[in-house]
Amino acid sequence: MAIARSPITVIDCPDAPALAAFYSALLGWTVEESSAEWAQIRAESGQALAFQGVQGYHAPEWPGQEVPQQMHLDVSVDDLDAGEEAVLDLGARKHEHQPGTTFRVFLDPAGHPFCLCLD
């Protein structure tokens, strides 16, 4: 018997509402909760992501490990070019290191790496 339901991934960042807005637009999820220190988005299916504002936040360095990435999201897309254009319009940056051909690495507005992957 499980003690809990499903976990929620919480991502540290300098500006919780701004990062929640970015991922809400990227994933098409609804911003459910938002304050200066905490924001949460949720899919219709119930999946959720939360964002916690951290003072003195340091963005991960990838592929270097001086400040490890600790986690990253892989987001499935049907078309890498269209996905790239969309995330750049949302405020992501394409990372200069691109180690594969079936996925592309980007940095969200807080500097977290995430990948768009062909589905």
N, C-alpha and C. Protein backbone atom coordinates (compact mmCIF):
# COMPACT_ATOMS: atom_id res chain seq x y z
N MET A 1 0.85 -1.18 0.00
CA MET A 1 0.00 0.00 0.00
C MET A 1 0.89 1.24 0.00
N ALA A 2 0.61 2.16 -0.90
CA ALA A 2 1.39 3.40 -1.00
C ALA A 2 1.01 4.35 0.12
N ILE A 3 1.99 5.08 0.59
CA ILE A 3 1.74 6.08 1.63
C ILE A 3 1.25 7.38 1.01
N ALA A 4 1.74 7.67 -0.19
CA ALA A 4 1.42 8.95 -0.83
C ALA A 4 0.91 8.70 -2.24
N ARG A 5 0.41 9.75 -2.86
CA ARG A 5 -0.04 9.68 -4.25
C ARG A 5 1.17 9.90 -5.15
N SER A 6 1.12 10.87 -6.02
CA SER A 6 2.23 11.09 -6.95
C SER A 6 3.12 12.22 -6.46
N PRO A 7 4.44 12.12 -6.71
CA PRO A 7 5.33 13.19 -6.30
C PRO A 7 5.22 14.39 -7.22
N ILE A 8 5.58 15.54 -6.69
CA ILE A 8 5.66 16.75 -7.50
C ILE A 8 7.13 17.15 -7.55
N THR A 9 7.64 17.34 -8.74
CA THR A 9 9.01 17.82 -8.91
C THR A 9 9.04 19.31 -8.60
N VAL A 10 9.98 19.71 -7.74
CA VAL A 10 10.14 21.12 -7.37
C VAL A 10 11.49 21.59 -7.89
N ILE A 11 11.49 22.68 -8.64
CA ILE A 11 12.69 23.20 -9.26
C ILE A 11 13.07 24.53 -8.60
N ASP A 12 14.29 24.60 -8.08
CA ASP A 12 14.79 25.86 -7.51
C ASP A 12 15.05 26.86 -8.63
N CYS A 13 14.84 28.14 -8.33
CA CYS A 13 15.04 29.18 -9.34
C CYS A 13 15.07 30.54 -8.66
N PRO A 14 15.47 31.60 -9.38
CA PRO A 14 15.48 32.93 -8.77
C PRO A 14 14.11 33.61 -8.76
N ASP A 15 13.20 33.21 -9.66
CA ASP A 15 11.91 33.88 -9.81
C ASP A 15 10.85 32.82 -10.11
N ALA A 16 10.17 32.34 -9.07
CA ALA A 16 9.21 31.25 -9.21
C ALA A 16 8.06 31.57 -10.18
N PRO A 17 7.41 32.73 -10.07
CA PRO A 17 6.31 33.01 -11.00
C PRO A 17 6.76 33.07 -12.47
N ALA A 18 7.94 33.64 -12.73
CA ALA A 18 8.42 33.75 -14.11
C ALA A 18 8.72 32.37 -14.70
N LEU A 19 9.34 31.50 -13.91
CA LEU A 19 9.66 30.17 -14.44
C LEU A 19 8.40 29.33 -14.59
N ALA A 20 7.44 29.50 -13.69
CA ALA A 20 6.15 28.81 -13.83
C ALA A 20 5.45 29.25 -15.11
N ALA A 21 5.49 30.54 -15.42
CA ALA A 21 4.86 31.05 -16.64
C ALA A 21 5.54 30.45 -17.88
N PHE A 22 6.88 30.35 -17.85
CA PHE A 22 7.62 29.77 -18.97
C PHE A 22 7.18 28.32 -19.21
N TYR A 23 7.21 27.49 -18.16
CA TYR A 23 6.85 26.08 -18.33
C TYR A 23 5.36 25.89 -18.57
N SER A 24 4.53 26.77 -18.06
CA SER A 24 3.10 26.72 -18.35
C SER A 24 2.86 26.90 -19.85
N ALA A 25 3.55 27.88 -20.44
CA ALA A 25 3.41 28.11 -21.88
C ALA A 25 4.03 26.97 -22.69
N LEU A 26 5.17 26.46 -22.25
CA LEU A 26 5.84 25.37 -22.96
C LEU A 26 4.99 24.10 -22.98
N LEU A 27 4.41 23.74 -21.83
CA LEU A 27 3.69 22.47 -21.70
C LEU A 27 2.19 22.59 -21.89
N GLY A 28 1.66 23.82 -21.89
CA GLY A 28 0.21 23.99 -21.99
C GLY A 28 -0.50 23.64 -20.69
N TRP A 29 0.20 23.74 -19.57
CA TRP A 29 -0.37 23.46 -18.26
C TRP A 29 -0.85 24.75 -17.62
N THR A 30 -1.69 24.64 -16.62
CA THR A 30 -2.28 25.79 -15.96
C THR A 30 -1.48 26.19 -14.72
N VAL A 31 -1.24 27.50 -14.58
CA VAL A 31 -0.63 27.99 -13.34
C VAL A 31 -1.71 27.89 -12.27
N GLU A 32 -1.41 27.08 -11.25
CA GLU A 32 -2.39 26.79 -10.22
C GLU A 32 -2.17 27.65 -8.98
N GLU A 33 -0.93 28.02 -8.76
CA GLU A 33 -0.56 28.72 -7.54
C GLU A 33 0.66 29.58 -7.86
N SER A 34 0.72 30.80 -7.35
CA SER A 34 1.87 31.64 -7.65
C SER A 34 2.04 32.73 -6.61
N SER A 35 3.24 32.77 -6.03
CA SER A 35 3.62 33.84 -5.11
C SER A 35 5.09 34.14 -5.38
N ALA A 36 5.67 35.07 -4.66
CA ALA A 36 7.07 35.44 -4.89
C ALA A 36 8.01 34.26 -4.67
N GLU A 37 7.70 33.36 -3.74
CA GLU A 37 8.60 32.26 -3.42
C GLU A 37 8.17 30.90 -3.97
N TRP A 38 6.95 30.78 -4.46
CA TRP A 38 6.45 29.46 -4.85
C TRP A 38 5.44 29.59 -5.98
N ALA A 39 5.54 28.72 -6.96
CA ALA A 39 4.53 28.67 -8.02
C ALA A 39 4.37 27.20 -8.44
N GLN A 40 3.19 26.86 -8.89
CA GLN A 40 2.93 25.48 -9.30
C GLN A 40 2.06 25.48 -10.55
N ILE A 41 2.39 24.57 -11.46
CA ILE A 41 1.57 24.37 -12.66
C ILE A 41 1.07 22.93 -12.67
N ARG A 42 -0.07 22.72 -13.34
CA ARG A 42 -0.65 21.38 -13.36
C ARG A 42 -1.28 21.09 -14.72
N ALA A 43 -1.10 19.85 -15.15
CA ALA A 43 -1.71 19.36 -16.39
C ALA A 43 -3.14 18.89 -16.08
N GLU A 44 -3.95 18.78 -17.13
CA GLU A 44 -5.30 18.24 -16.95
C GLU A 44 -5.27 16.84 -16.37
N SER A 45 -4.20 16.08 -16.66
CA SER A 45 -4.06 14.71 -16.17
C SER A 45 -3.71 14.65 -14.69
N GLY A 46 -3.35 15.80 -14.10
CA GLY A 46 -3.00 15.84 -12.69
C GLY A 46 -1.51 15.98 -12.42
N GLN A 47 -0.66 15.76 -13.43
CA GLN A 47 0.78 15.93 -13.23
C GLN A 47 1.05 17.38 -12.85
N ALA A 48 2.09 17.58 -12.03
CA ALA A 48 2.40 18.93 -11.58
C ALA A 48 3.90 19.16 -11.52
N LEU A 49 4.27 20.41 -11.68
CA LEU A 49 5.63 20.90 -11.47
C LEU A 49 5.52 22.12 -10.56
N ALA A 50 6.47 22.25 -9.64
CA ALA A 50 6.47 23.42 -8.76
C ALA A 50 7.83 24.11 -8.88
N PHE A 51 7.83 25.38 -8.55
CA PHE A 51 9.03 26.21 -8.66
C PHE A 51 9.19 26.97 -7.35
N GLN A 52 10.39 26.87 -6.78
CA GLN A 52 10.68 27.50 -5.49
C GLN A 52 11.72 28.57 -5.66
N GLY A 53 11.39 29.79 -5.28
CA GLY A 53 12.34 30.90 -5.34
C GLY A 53 13.43 30.72 -4.30
N VAL A 54 14.69 30.86 -4.72
CA VAL A 54 15.84 30.68 -3.84
C VAL A 54 16.73 31.90 -3.93
N GLN A 55 17.03 32.53 -2.79
CA GLN A 55 17.96 33.66 -2.80
C GLN A 55 19.36 33.14 -3.06
N GLY A 56 20.13 33.87 -3.83
CA GLY A 56 21.50 33.46 -4.14
C GLY A 56 21.56 32.28 -5.08
N TYR A 57 20.51 32.06 -5.85
CA TYR A 57 20.44 30.94 -6.80
C TYR A 57 21.61 30.98 -7.78
N HIS A 58 22.19 29.82 -8.05
CA HIS A 58 23.24 29.68 -9.06
C HIS A 58 22.75 28.68 -10.11
N ALA A 59 22.68 29.11 -11.35
CA ALA A 59 22.21 28.23 -12.43
C ALA A 59 23.18 27.07 -12.62
N PRO A 60 22.67 25.90 -13.01
CA PRO A 60 23.53 24.77 -13.30
C PRO A 60 24.47 25.09 -14.46
N GLU A 61 25.61 24.43 -14.49
CA GLU A 61 26.54 24.53 -15.61
C GLU A 61 26.53 23.20 -16.34
N TRP A 62 26.18 23.22 -17.58
CA TRP A 62 26.13 22.01 -18.37
C TRP A 62 26.85 22.26 -19.68
N PRO A 63 27.69 21.39 -20.15
CA PRO A 63 27.96 20.05 -19.63
C PRO A 63 28.96 20.01 -18.49
N GLY A 64 29.53 21.14 -18.09
CA GLY A 64 30.44 21.15 -16.95
C GLY A 64 29.74 20.77 -15.66
N GLN A 65 30.48 20.52 -14.63
CA GLN A 65 29.88 20.07 -13.38
C GLN A 65 30.29 20.93 -12.17
N GLU A 66 30.79 22.16 -12.43
CA GLU A 66 31.10 23.04 -11.31
C GLU A 66 29.84 23.29 -10.47
N VAL A 67 28.73 23.52 -11.14
CA VAL A 67 27.41 23.59 -10.50
C VAL A 67 26.56 22.57 -11.27
N PRO A 68 26.43 21.33 -10.73
CA PRO A 68 25.76 20.27 -11.49
C PRO A 68 24.30 20.59 -11.79
N GLN A 69 23.81 19.99 -12.89
CA GLN A 69 22.43 20.26 -13.29
C GLN A 69 21.43 19.64 -12.33
N GLN A 70 21.76 18.59 -11.64
CA GLN A 70 20.94 17.94 -10.62
C GLN A 70 19.67 17.30 -11.18
N MET A 71 19.07 17.88 -12.14
CA MET A 71 17.90 17.31 -12.82
C MET A 71 17.68 18.08 -14.11
N HIS A 72 16.97 17.46 -15.05
CA HIS A 72 16.54 18.19 -16.24
C HIS A 72 15.28 17.54 -16.77
N LEU A 73 14.55 18.27 -17.58
CA LEU A 73 13.32 17.75 -18.17
C LEU A 73 13.57 17.42 -19.63
N ASP A 74 13.02 16.30 -20.08
CA ASP A 74 12.96 15.95 -21.49
C ASP A 74 11.51 16.15 -21.94
N VAL A 75 11.32 16.97 -22.96
CA VAL A 75 9.98 17.28 -23.45
C VAL A 75 9.87 16.73 -24.87
N SER A 76 8.89 15.86 -25.10
CA SER A 76 8.70 15.25 -26.43
C SER A 76 8.02 16.22 -27.38
N VAL A 77 8.53 16.25 -28.62
CA VAL A 77 7.93 17.08 -29.68
C VAL A 77 7.87 16.27 -30.96
N ASP A 78 6.99 16.68 -31.86
CA ASP A 78 6.89 16.02 -33.16
C ASP A 78 7.89 16.58 -34.16
N ASP A 79 8.29 17.84 -33.98
CA ASP A 79 9.15 18.53 -34.93
C ASP A 79 10.16 19.37 -34.15
N LEU A 80 11.44 19.02 -34.26
CA LEU A 80 12.47 19.74 -33.51
C LEU A 80 12.59 21.20 -33.93
N ASP A 81 12.51 21.48 -35.23
CA ASP A 81 12.65 22.86 -35.69
C ASP A 81 11.52 23.74 -35.16
N ALA A 82 10.28 23.24 -35.26
CA ALA A 82 9.13 24.01 -34.76
C ALA A 82 9.21 24.15 -33.24
N GLY A 83 9.63 23.09 -32.56
CA GLY A 83 9.77 23.15 -31.10
C GLY A 83 10.83 24.16 -30.70
N GLU A 84 11.95 24.16 -31.42
CA GLU A 84 13.02 25.12 -31.12
C GLU A 84 12.52 26.55 -31.27
N GLU A 85 11.85 26.83 -32.35
CA GLU A 85 11.34 28.18 -32.58
C GLU A 85 10.40 28.60 -31.45
N ALA A 86 9.54 27.67 -31.04
CA ALA A 86 8.56 27.98 -29.99
C ALA A 86 9.24 28.26 -28.64
N VAL A 87 10.22 27.42 -28.24
CA VAL A 87 10.85 27.64 -26.93
C VAL A 87 11.73 28.89 -26.93
N LEU A 88 12.35 29.20 -28.07
CA LEU A 88 13.14 30.44 -28.15
C LEU A 88 12.23 31.65 -28.01
N ASP A 89 11.04 31.58 -28.61
CA ASP A 89 10.06 32.67 -28.48
C ASP A 89 9.59 32.84 -27.03
N LEU A 90 9.61 31.74 -26.26
CA LEU A 90 9.19 31.79 -24.86
C LEU A 90 10.28 32.33 -23.93
N GLY A 91 11.51 32.42 -24.45
CA GLY A 91 12.60 32.94 -23.63
C GLY A 91 13.71 31.96 -23.32
N ALA A 92 13.64 30.75 -23.88
CA ALA A 92 14.73 29.78 -23.70
C ALA A 92 15.92 30.18 -24.55
N ARG A 93 17.08 29.64 -24.22
CA ARG A 93 18.28 29.83 -25.04
C ARG A 93 18.77 28.46 -25.48
N LYS A 94 19.21 28.36 -26.72
CA LYS A 94 19.77 27.10 -27.20
C LYS A 94 21.21 26.99 -26.69
N HIS A 95 21.53 25.85 -26.10
CA HIS A 95 22.88 25.64 -25.59
C HIS A 95 23.82 25.39 -26.75
N GLU A 96 25.07 25.89 -26.64
CA GLU A 96 26.03 25.70 -27.73
C GLU A 96 26.47 24.24 -27.87
N HIS A 97 26.39 23.45 -26.79
CA HIS A 97 26.78 22.04 -26.85
C HIS A 97 25.55 21.19 -27.18
N GLN A 98 25.56 20.59 -28.35
CA GLN A 98 24.46 19.76 -28.82
C GLN A 98 24.99 18.35 -29.12
N PRO A 99 24.93 17.43 -28.15
CA PRO A 99 25.57 16.13 -28.30
C PRO A 99 24.80 15.08 -29.10
N GLY A 100 23.60 15.38 -29.57
CA GLY A 100 22.83 14.37 -30.30
C GLY A 100 22.12 14.95 -31.49
N THR A 101 21.42 14.08 -32.22
CA THR A 101 20.68 14.54 -33.40
C THR A 101 19.17 14.35 -33.25
N THR A 102 18.73 13.57 -32.27
CA THR A 102 17.30 13.33 -32.06
C THR A 102 16.75 14.16 -30.91
N PHE A 103 17.58 15.05 -30.38
CA PHE A 103 17.16 15.94 -29.31
C PHE A 103 18.00 17.21 -29.39
N ARG A 104 17.49 18.27 -28.76
CA ARG A 104 18.22 19.54 -28.68
C ARG A 104 18.19 20.03 -27.24
N VAL A 105 19.30 20.59 -26.82
CA VAL A 105 19.45 21.07 -25.45
C VAL A 105 19.25 22.58 -25.39
N PHE A 106 18.42 23.01 -24.45
CA PHE A 106 18.12 24.42 -24.24
C PHE A 106 18.31 24.74 -22.76
N LEU A 107 18.36 26.02 -22.46
CA LEU A 107 18.37 26.50 -21.09
C LEU A 107 17.11 27.31 -20.87
N ASP A 108 16.39 27.02 -19.78
CA ASP A 108 15.20 27.81 -19.48
C ASP A 108 15.64 29.19 -18.98
N PRO A 109 14.71 30.11 -18.74
CA PRO A 109 15.10 31.46 -18.33
C PRO A 109 15.94 31.52 -17.05
N ALA A 110 15.88 30.47 -16.19
CA ALA A 110 16.69 30.45 -14.97
C ALA A 110 18.01 29.70 -15.17
N GLY A 111 18.24 29.17 -16.38
CA GLY A 111 19.50 28.48 -16.68
C GLY A 111 19.46 26.97 -16.54
N HIS A 112 18.29 26.37 -16.22
CA HIS A 112 18.21 24.92 -16.14
C HIS A 112 18.23 24.30 -17.53
N PRO A 113 19.04 23.27 -17.75
CA PRO A 113 18.99 22.58 -19.04
C PRO A 113 17.68 21.80 -19.18
N PHE A 114 17.15 21.78 -20.38
CA PHE A 114 16.05 20.88 -20.72
C PHE A 114 16.21 20.50 -22.18
N CYS A 115 15.64 19.37 -22.55
CA CYS A 115 15.79 18.87 -23.92
C CYS A 115 14.44 18.77 -24.60
N LEU A 116 14.43 19.15 -25.89
CA LEU A 116 13.31 18.81 -26.74
C LEU A 116 13.74 17.54 -27.46
N CYS A 117 12.91 16.50 -27.39
CA CYS A 117 13.24 15.19 -27.94
C CYS A 117 12.19 14.78 -28.97
N LEU A 118 12.66 14.21 -30.07
CA LEU A 118 11.70 13.68 -31.05
C LEU A 118 10.92 12.54 -30.41
N ASP A 119 9.61 12.60 -30.55
CA ASP A 119 8.74 11.57 -29.98
C ASP A 119 8.68 10.38 -30.88
